[in-house]
C-alpha atoms as a PDB file:
ATOM      1  CA  MET A   1     111.232  85.729 105.384  1.00  0.00           C
ATOM      2  CA  GLY A   2     110.360  89.394 105.019  1.00  0.00           C
ATOM      3  CA  ILE A   3     112.425  91.812 102.955  1.00  0.00           C
ATOM      4  CA  ASP A   4     112.437  95.607 102.950  1.00  0.00           C
ATOM      5  CA  TYR A   5     114.600  96.226  99.878  1.00  0.00           C
ATOM      6  CA  GLY A   6     116.505  99.473  99.504  1.00  0.00           C
ATOM      7  CA  ASP A   7     119.355 100.832  97.431  1.00  0.00           C
ATOM      8  CA  LYS A   8     121.542 101.295 100.523  1.00  0.00           C
ATOM      9  CA  ARG A   9     120.137  98.855 103.069  1.00  0.00           C
ATOM     10  CA  ILE A  10     118.015  95.709 103.032  1.00  0.00           C
ATOM     11  CA  GLY A  11     115.949  94.935 106.091  1.00  0.00           C
ATOM     12  CA  ILE A  12     115.359  91.255 106.755  1.00  0.00           C
ATOM     13  CA  ALA A  13     112.877  89.620 109.120  1.00  0.00           C
ATOM     14  CA  LEU A  14     112.173  85.987 109.897  1.00  0.00           C
ATOM     15  CA  SER A  15     109.199  84.180 111.356  1.00  0.00           C
ATOM     16  CA  ASP A  16     108.951  81.532 114.010  1.00  0.00           C
ATOM     17  CA  PRO A  17     108.587  77.914 112.760  1.00  0.00           C
ATOM     18  CA  LEU A  18     104.787  78.080 113.047  1.00  0.00           C
ATOM     19  CA  ASN A  19     104.580  81.307 111.020  1.00  0.00           C
ATOM     20  CA  ILE A  20     102.762  83.163 113.776  1.00  0.00           C
ATOM     21  CA  ILE A  21     105.196  85.891 114.804  1.00  0.00           C
ATOM     22  CA  SER A  22     107.696  87.810 112.680  1.00  0.00           C
ATOM     23  CA  SER A  23     110.904  89.117 114.201  1.00  0.00           C
ATOM     24  CA  PRO A  24     113.468  91.580 112.882  1.00  0.00           C
ATOM     25  CA  TYR A  25     116.652  89.758 111.908  1.00  0.00           C
ATOM     26  CA  GLU A  26     119.189  92.130 110.347  1.00  0.00           C
ATOM     27  CA  VAL A  27     119.964  95.120 108.188  1.00  0.00           C
ATOM     28  CA  PHE A  28     122.231  94.144 105.321  1.00  0.00           C
ATOM     29  CA  LYS A  29     124.281  96.838 103.619  1.00  0.00           C
ATOM     30  CA  ASN A  30     123.374  96.702  99.926  1.00  0.00           C
ATOM     31  CA  MET A  31     126.646  96.770  98.001  1.00  0.00           C
ATOM     32  CA  GLY A  32     125.216  95.502  94.727  1.00  0.00           C
ATOM     33  CA  GLU A  33     122.536  93.204  93.410  1.00  0.00           C
ATOM     34  CA  GLU A  34     124.678  90.069  93.063  1.00  0.00           C
ATOM     35  CA  GLN A  35     126.028  90.300  96.616  1.00  0.00           C
ATOM     36  CA  ALA A  36     122.533  91.026  97.978  1.00  0.00           C
ATOM     37  CA  LEU A  37     121.015  88.063  96.131  1.00  0.00           C
ATOM     38  CA  ASN A  38     123.779  85.729  97.339  1.00  0.00           C
ATOM     39  CA  HIS A  39     123.371  86.886 100.939  1.00  0.00           C
ATOM     40  CA  ILE A  40     119.602  86.432 100.926  1.00  0.00           C
ATOM     41  CA  ILE A  41     119.849  83.022  99.229  1.00  0.00           C
ATOM     42  CA  ASN A  42     122.328  81.918 101.903  1.00  0.00           C
ATOM     43  CA  LEU A  43     119.855  83.004 104.603  1.00  0.00           C
ATOM     44  CA  VAL A  44     117.045  81.158 102.800  1.00  0.00           C
ATOM     45  CA  LYS A  45     119.105  77.969 102.956  1.00  0.00           C
ATOM     46  CA  GLN A  46     120.336  78.549 106.521  1.00  0.00           C
ATOM     47  CA  PHE A  47     116.844  79.122 107.913  1.00  0.00           C
ATOM     48  CA  ASP A  48     114.980  76.738 105.577  1.00  0.00           C
ATOM     49  CA  VAL A  49     112.755  79.559 104.292  1.00  0.00           C
ATOM     50  CA  ASP A  50     109.777  78.385 102.246  1.00  0.00           C
ATOM     51  CA  GLU A  51     108.243  81.752 101.246  1.00  0.00           C
ATOM     52  CA  ILE A  52     109.429  85.338 100.958  1.00  0.00           C
ATOM     53  CA  ALA A  53     107.330  88.458 101.508  1.00  0.00           C
ATOM     54  CA  MET A  54     108.953  91.441  99.828  1.00  0.00           C
ATOM     55  CA  GLY A  55     107.798  94.994 100.231  1.00  0.00           C
ATOM     56  CA  LEU A  56     106.410  96.686  97.128  1.00  0.00           C
ATOM     57  CA  PRO A  57     106.587 100.491  97.268  1.00  0.00           C
ATOM     58  CA  LEU A  58     103.350 101.530  95.597  1.00  0.00           C
ATOM     59  CA  ASN A  59     102.428 105.150  95.018  1.00  0.00           C
ATOM     60  CA  MET A  60      99.824 106.533  97.429  1.00  0.00           C
ATOM     61  CA  ASP A  61      97.152 106.055  94.721  1.00  0.00           C
ATOM     62  CA  GLY A  62      98.066 102.357  94.509  1.00  0.00           C
ATOM     63  CA  SER A  63      99.857 102.581  91.160  1.00  0.00           C
ATOM     64  CA  GLU A  64     103.308 101.167  90.497  1.00  0.00           C
ATOM     65  CA  GLY A  65     106.126 103.623  89.889  1.00  0.00           C
ATOM     66  CA  GLU A  66     109.795 103.199  89.055  1.00  0.00           C
ATOM     67  CA  ARG A  67     110.713 101.954  92.553  1.00  0.00           C
ATOM     68  CA  ALA A  68     108.046  99.241  92.377  1.00  0.00           C
ATOM     69  CA  LEU A  69     109.471  98.022  89.078  1.00  0.00           C
ATOM     70  CA  ILE A  70     112.991  97.865  90.578  1.00  0.00           C
ATOM     71  CA  HIS A  71     111.677  95.882  93.557  1.00  0.00           C
ATOM     72  CA  LYS A  72     109.750  93.509  91.303  1.00  0.00           C
ATOM     73  CA  ALA A  73     112.799  92.881  89.118  1.00  0.00           C
ATOM     74  CA  PHE A  74     114.901  92.066  92.200  1.00  0.00           C
ATOM     75  CA  GLY A  75     112.142  89.851  93.625  1.00  0.00           C
ATOM     76  CA  HIS A  76     111.765  87.922  90.371  1.00  0.00           C
ATOM     77  CA  LYS A  77     115.539  87.330  90.206  1.00  0.00           C
ATOM     78  CA  LEU A  78     115.513  86.181  93.828  1.00  0.00           C
ATOM     79  CA  GLU A  79     112.635  83.797  93.126  1.00  0.00           C
ATOM     80  CA  SER A  80     114.350  82.412  90.036  1.00  0.00           C
ATOM     81  CA  LEU A  81     117.724  81.872  91.728  1.00  0.00           C
ATOM     82  CA  SER A  82     116.398  80.555  95.050  1.00  0.00           C
ATOM     83  CA  GLY A  83     113.428  78.513  93.830  1.00  0.00           C
ATOM     84  CA  ILE A  84     111.390  80.123  96.634  1.00  0.00           C
ATOM     85  CA  LYS A  85     108.110  81.933  95.913  1.00  0.00           C
ATOM     86  CA  VAL A  86     108.355  85.711  96.406  1.00  0.00           C
ATOM     87  CA  HIS A  87     105.103  87.456  97.351  1.00  0.00           C
ATOM     88  CA  PHE A  88     104.911  91.215  96.952  1.00  0.00           C
ATOM     89  CA  VAL A  89     103.307  93.097  99.835  1.00  0.00           C
ATOM     90  CA  ASP A  90     102.147  96.711  99.746  1.00  0.00           C
ATOM     91  CA  GLU A  91     104.696  98.507 101.891  1.00  0.00           C
ATOM     92  CA  ARG A  92     103.138 101.973 101.857  1.00  0.00           C
ATOM     93  CA  LEU A  93     103.640 103.597 105.245  1.00  0.00           C
ATOM     94  CA  THR A  94     105.583 100.684 106.784  1.00  0.00           C
ATOM     95  CA  SER A  95     108.617 102.913 107.390  1.00  0.00           C
ATOM     96  CA  ALA A  96     106.392 105.501 109.055  1.00  0.00           C
ATOM     97  CA  GLU A  97     104.770 102.784 111.191  1.00  0.00           C
ATOM     98  CA  ALA A  98     108.180 101.424 112.157  1.00  0.00           C
ATOM     99  CA  GLU A  99     109.421 104.918 113.027  1.00  0.00           C
ATOM    100  CA  GLU A 100     106.376 105.539 115.225  1.00  0.00           C
ATOM    101  CA  MET A 101     106.917 102.246 117.066  1.00  0.00           C
ATOM    102  CA  LEU A 102     110.559 103.086 117.742  1.00  0.00           C
ATOM    103  CA  ILE A 103     109.776 106.633 118.877  1.00  0.00           C
ATOM    104  CA  ALA A 104     107.089 105.291 121.220  1.00  0.00           C
ATOM    105  CA  SER A 105     109.657 102.928 122.711  1.00  0.00           C
ATOM    106  CA  GLY A 106     111.889 105.911 123.490  1.00  0.00           C
ATOM    107  CA  MET A 107     114.668 104.959 121.095  1.00  0.00           C
ATOM    108  CA  ARG A 108     117.093 107.703 120.116  1.00  0.00           C
ATOM    109  CA  ARG A 109     117.184 108.952 116.530  1.00  0.00           C
ATOM    110  CA  GLU A 110     120.680 107.560 115.774  1.00  0.00           C
ATOM    111  CA  LYS A 111     119.702 104.083 116.917  1.00  0.00           C
ATOM    112  CA  ARG A 112     116.399 104.230 114.992  1.00  0.00           C
ATOM    113  CA  LYS A 113     118.272 104.840 111.729  1.00  0.00           C
ATOM    114  CA  GLU A 114     120.273 101.655 112.296  1.00  0.00           C
ATOM    115  CA  ILE A 115     117.291  99.335 112.731  1.00  0.00           C
ATOM    116  CA  ILE A 116     114.284 100.875 110.985  1.00  0.00           C
ATOM    117  CA  ASP A 117     114.743  98.725 107.865  1.00  0.00           C
ATOM    118  CA  LYS A 118     114.558  95.428 109.758  1.00  0.00           C
ATOM    119  CA  ILE A 119     111.507  96.679 111.671  1.00  0.00           C
ATOM    120  CA  SER A 120     109.903  97.547 108.320  1.00  0.00           C
ATOM    121  CA  ALA A 121     110.738  94.029 107.090  1.00  0.00           C
ATOM    122  CA  GLN A 122     109.111  92.636 110.230  1.00  0.00           C
ATOM    123  CA  ILE A 123     105.921  94.622 109.505  1.00  0.00           C
ATOM    124  CA  ILE A 124     105.925  93.448 105.861  1.00  0.00           C
ATOM    125  CA  LEU A 125     106.304  89.811 106.936  1.00  0.00           C
ATOM    126  CA  GLN A 126     103.681  90.061 109.694  1.00  0.00           C
ATOM    127  CA  THR A 127     101.241  91.682 107.256  1.00  0.00           C
ATOM    128  CA  PHE A 128     101.806  88.850 104.775  1.00  0.00           C
ATOM    129  CA  MET A 129     101.365  86.157 107.435  1.00  0.00           C
ATOM    130  CA  ASN A 130      98.182  87.786 108.760  1.00  0.00           C
ATOM    131  CA  GLU A 131      96.721  88.099 105.254  1.00  0.00           C
ATOM    132  CA  SER A 132      97.628  84.484 104.430  1.00  0.00           C
ATOM    133  CA  LYS A 133      95.570  83.228 107.368  1.00  0.00           C
ATOM    134  CA  LYS A 134      92.339  84.879 106.201  1.00  0.00           C
END
């Protein structure tokens, strides 16, 4: 499972059973940490997830800022409550990459806003899976 965590929306992606291809799954409206954790844990159980790749918003110089600490705290809670290992993946520029992909596909701006977070989650998960195979 890939997660693009945000204050307003959480993008979620899932992989195929062989962990070769990631696919966007959904954008979940973040209405609070407890609800978000419960929703993700339910998905983990439903899809028999064995690892989670969560985006880590590093500063452009690679350092961790306030957002990275918030993401890490959420990821550690998720790992503790679900019993599933959470791996943090550098998510710098994933939103820009997702936006470029959607623009190239000819998608209108309004529609892009609705799905960009799950595309970002897909990129985070695919990056993690590709790195894990090296």
